Every structure is written in C-alpha cells, then in structure tokens.
C-alpha cells in the first residue's frame, strides 16, 4: 500500500514541476526595458496568454483523475483474466484514450513557448498573435480530449459497476 502512495506523491511532484514554468511574472528582468511593442499590442498579447493559461489551469488538475482511472482499468485487466472479449476491448480502448489525452497535455506544456521569450526574441507582434491563437486552439483540443476520455471512462465504470 505504501508503494502506490509513494508513486502518487512522486507523480504529483513531477506534475507540479511540469506546470511550474507556465507562469511568468512581469518583472524588470523578464520585460524588456525598451519594448518594440505598443502598450495596446502588449495588452492583446497578455490577454491571449491569460486565456490560454485559463484553459490550461481549468483542466490540468484532471491529470490526476485520468491517472487514477487509468490505474483502475489496468488493475481490472490484470486481476480479471476471465473478462469477456468485448469488455476487455472496451477497457483497453478507453485506457488508451485516457493515456493519450494525458500525454497530450504534457506534450503541449513541454512545447509551449513562453510569451516573454517570444518578446525577448523580438518576434513581430503579428507572429506572436498568430502563435498564441494556435496555442489556444491546441490547448482547447487537449482539454476536450481529456474531458471526453474521462467521460468515456466514467461511463464504462458505471456500465460495468466498477468501483474506484
């Protein structure tokens, strides 16, 4: 019993560390002294960035729920070798969906370019806006996949009267 708890604590630590770099505070060190952007451009960039982070923050806590559900399905598959083929197939399909949606969050986070790094590189405003709009679309897709996979998992658990 102590090993799964330890694994959960370690996994939570990794998730917090992975999310740790997502926030950038505006300080004199991260905001260029002489910005090539107008105040209006900076406000638009910040607004888009804030929207992206709001979507991220709304769904990031769901990764622990996805992991818990995935572990439950793995346990069911391992401890129940006499599952009928249809149920086994459903469990495997939903398990894969859960794991893919979880991985997509971490892939997105690892590939996200921080707004202040874009500014420091003096990326043109239009390119920053384009990039941020693409990232907004990407994180919405990640959110939708995560929520859909959780819903599918919950329905499967109810259908087969599985308990956490």
Protein backbone atom coordinates (compact mmCIF):
# COMPACT_ATOMS: atom_id res chain seq x y z
CA UNK A 1 0.00 0.00 0.00
CA UNK A 2 2.92 2.32 0.69
CA UNK A 3 4.41 1.93 -2.80
CA UNK A 4 1.34 3.28 -4.71
CA UNK A 5 1.15 6.22 -2.30
CA UNK A 6 4.82 6.96 -2.88
CA UNK A 7 4.30 6.73 -6.65
CA UNK A 8 1.34 9.11 -6.39
CA UNK A 9 3.42 11.61 -4.41
CA UNK A 10 6.29 11.39 -6.92
CA UNK A 11 3.89 11.78 -9.87
CA UNK A 12 2.27 14.80 -8.22
CA UNK A 13 5.71 16.33 -7.75
CA UNK A 14 6.51 15.87 -11.42
CA UNK A 15 3.19 17.42 -12.44
CA UNK A 16 3.78 20.45 -10.25
CA UNK A 17 7.29 20.82 -11.62
CA UNK A 18 6.00 20.49 -15.20
CA UNK A 19 3.44 23.20 -14.56
CA UNK A 20 5.83 25.38 -12.63
CA UNK A 21 7.26 27.04 -15.72
CA UNK A 22 3.92 28.00 -17.18
CA UNK A 23 3.60 31.26 -15.27
CA UNK A 24 5.80 34.21 -15.93
CA UNK A 25 5.55 37.23 -13.75
CA UNK A 26 6.27 40.57 -15.32
CA UNK A 27 9.37 41.85 -13.66
CA UNK A 28 12.06 44.19 -14.87
CA UNK A 29 14.14 41.08 -15.64
CA UNK A 30 11.51 39.50 -17.93
CA UNK A 31 10.01 42.61 -19.51
CA UNK A 32 12.30 44.32 -22.00
CA UNK A 33 13.21 47.86 -20.92
CA UNK A 34 12.75 49.15 -24.44
CA UNK A 35 9.87 47.24 -25.91
CA UNK A 36 9.29 47.27 -29.63
CA UNK A 37 5.60 46.65 -28.90
CA UNK A 38 3.00 49.27 -28.19
CA UNK A 39 1.05 49.14 -24.94
CA UNK A 40 -2.01 48.03 -26.91
CA UNK A 41 -0.04 45.18 -28.52
CA UNK A 42 1.30 44.08 -25.14
CA UNK A 43 -2.21 44.10 -23.68
CA UNK A 44 -3.52 41.97 -26.56
CA UNK A 45 -0.65 39.51 -26.20
CA UNK A 46 -1.18 39.32 -22.44
CA UNK A 47 -4.90 38.83 -22.88
CA UNK A 48 -4.38 35.90 -25.24
CA UNK A 49 -1.74 34.39 -22.96
CA UNK A 50 -4.06 34.70 -19.96
CA UNK A 51 -6.84 32.96 -21.91
CA UNK A 52 -4.51 30.11 -22.83
CA UNK A 53 -3.41 29.69 -19.23
CA UNK A 54 -7.02 29.77 -18.02
CA UNK A 55 -7.86 26.78 -20.24
CA UNK A 56 -4.71 25.00 -19.08
CA UNK A 57 -5.44 25.70 -15.41
CA UNK A 58 -9.03 24.51 -15.74
CA UNK A 59 -8.01 21.07 -16.97
CA UNK A 60 -4.55 20.40 -15.55
CA UNK A 61 -5.95 19.07 -12.25
CA UNK A 62 -7.79 16.42 -14.26
CA UNK A 63 -4.48 14.66 -14.98
CA UNK A 64 -4.57 13.08 -11.52
CA UNK A 65 -8.10 11.83 -12.16
CA UNK A 66 -7.01 10.42 -15.53
CA UNK A 67 -4.07 8.65 -13.91
CA UNK A 68 -6.25 7.23 -11.14
CA UNK A 69 -8.78 5.95 -13.65
CA UNK A 70 -6.06 4.51 -15.88
CA UNK A 71 -4.59 2.62 -12.93
CA UNK A 72 -8.05 1.29 -12.06
CA UNK A 73 -8.53 -0.04 -15.60
CA UNK A 74 -5.06 -1.62 -15.65
CA UNK A 75 -5.83 -3.31 -12.35
CA UNK A 76 -9.13 -4.59 -13.69
CA UNK A 77 -7.42 -6.02 -16.78
CA UNK A 78 -4.68 -7.65 -14.72
CA UNK A 79 -6.81 -9.07 -11.94
CA UNK A 80 -9.71 -10.22 -14.10
CA UNK A 81 -8.31 -12.53 -16.79
CA UNK A 82 -11.77 -14.00 -17.43
CA UNK A 83 -13.22 -10.74 -18.76
CA UNK A 84 -15.27 -11.26 -21.88
CA UNK A 85 -13.64 -10.05 -25.10
CA UNK A 86 -16.00 -7.08 -25.55
CA UNK A 87 -15.40 -5.74 -22.03
CA UNK A 88 -11.65 -6.27 -22.32
CA UNK A 89 -11.65 -4.41 -25.64
CA UNK A 90 -13.64 -1.54 -24.16
CA UNK A 91 -11.28 -1.26 -21.20
CA UNK A 92 -8.21 -1.25 -23.45
CA UNK A 93 -9.71 1.31 -25.82
CA UNK A 94 -10.72 3.73 -23.07
CA UNK A 95 -7.42 3.17 -21.24
CA UNK A 96 -5.51 4.12 -24.40
CA UNK A 97 -7.71 7.19 -24.86
CA UNK A 98 -7.09 8.26 -21.26
CA UNK A 99 -3.34 7.83 -21.59
CA UNK A 100 -3.21 9.65 -24.94
CA UNK A 101 -5.17 12.61 -23.61
CA UNK A 102 -2.93 12.80 -20.55
CA UNK A 103 0.21 12.63 -22.69
CA UNK A 104 -1.15 15.36 -24.96
CA UNK A 105 -1.27 17.77 -22.00
CA UNK A 106 2.37 17.19 -21.14
CA UNK A 107 3.43 17.36 -24.78
CA UNK A 108 1.62 20.67 -25.13
CA UNK A 109 3.21 22.07 -21.97
CA UNK A 110 6.70 20.96 -22.98
CA UNK A 111 6.38 22.58 -26.41
CA UNK A 112 4.74 25.84 -25.33
CA UNK A 113 6.95 28.87 -25.88
CA UNK A 114 6.71 31.38 -23.08
CA UNK A 115 5.40 34.79 -24.07
CA UNK A 116 8.33 36.70 -22.63
CA UNK A 117 10.76 34.53 -24.59
CA UNK A 118 8.87 35.44 -27.76
CA UNK A 119 9.16 39.08 -26.84
CA UNK A 120 12.83 38.83 -25.97
CA UNK A 121 13.45 37.25 -29.37
CA UNK A 122 11.71 40.32 -30.82
CA UNK A 123 9.23 38.23 -32.72
CA UNK A 124 6.91 40.52 -34.69
CA UNK A 125 3.62 41.24 -32.94
CA UNK A 126 1.58 39.60 -35.72
CA UNK A 127 3.60 36.39 -35.38
CA UNK A 128 3.14 36.38 -31.60
CA UNK A 129 -0.61 36.77 -32.05
CA UNK A 130 -0.69 34.01 -34.64
CA UNK A 131 1.31 31.72 -32.38
CA UNK A 132 -0.88 32.44 -29.36
CA UNK A 133 -4.05 31.78 -31.36
CA UNK A 134 -2.61 28.45 -32.50
CA UNK A 135 -1.74 27.56 -28.91
CA UNK A 136 -5.24 28.50 -27.75
CA UNK A 137 -6.68 26.11 -30.33
CA UNK A 138 -4.21 23.42 -29.29
CA UNK A 139 -4.94 23.64 -25.56
CA UNK A 140 -8.69 23.63 -26.21
CA UNK A 141 -8.22 20.36 -28.16
CA UNK A 142 -6.19 18.94 -25.27
CA UNK A 143 -8.89 19.99 -22.80
CA UNK A 144 -11.64 18.47 -24.92
CA UNK A 145 -9.74 15.17 -25.31
CA UNK A 146 -9.08 14.97 -21.59
CA UNK A 147 -12.69 15.66 -20.63
CA UNK A 148 -14.03 13.27 -23.28
CA UNK A 149 -11.70 10.49 -22.16
CA UNK A 150 -12.73 10.97 -18.54
CA UNK A 151 -16.38 10.89 -19.53
CA UNK A 152 -15.85 7.68 -21.51
CA UNK A 153 -14.04 6.14 -18.56
CA UNK A 154 -16.74 7.13 -16.11
CA UNK A 155 -19.46 5.67 -18.35
CA UNK A 156 -17.52 2.43 -18.71
CA UNK A 157 -17.08 2.18 -14.95
CA UNK A 158 -20.81 2.74 -14.42
CA UNK A 159 -21.70 0.27 -17.16
CA UNK A 160 -19.60 -2.48 -15.53
CA UNK A 161 -20.35 -1.36 -11.96
CA UNK A 162 -16.66 -0.80 -11.28
CA UNK A 163 -15.63 0.95 -8.11
CA UNK A 164 -12.62 3.17 -7.54
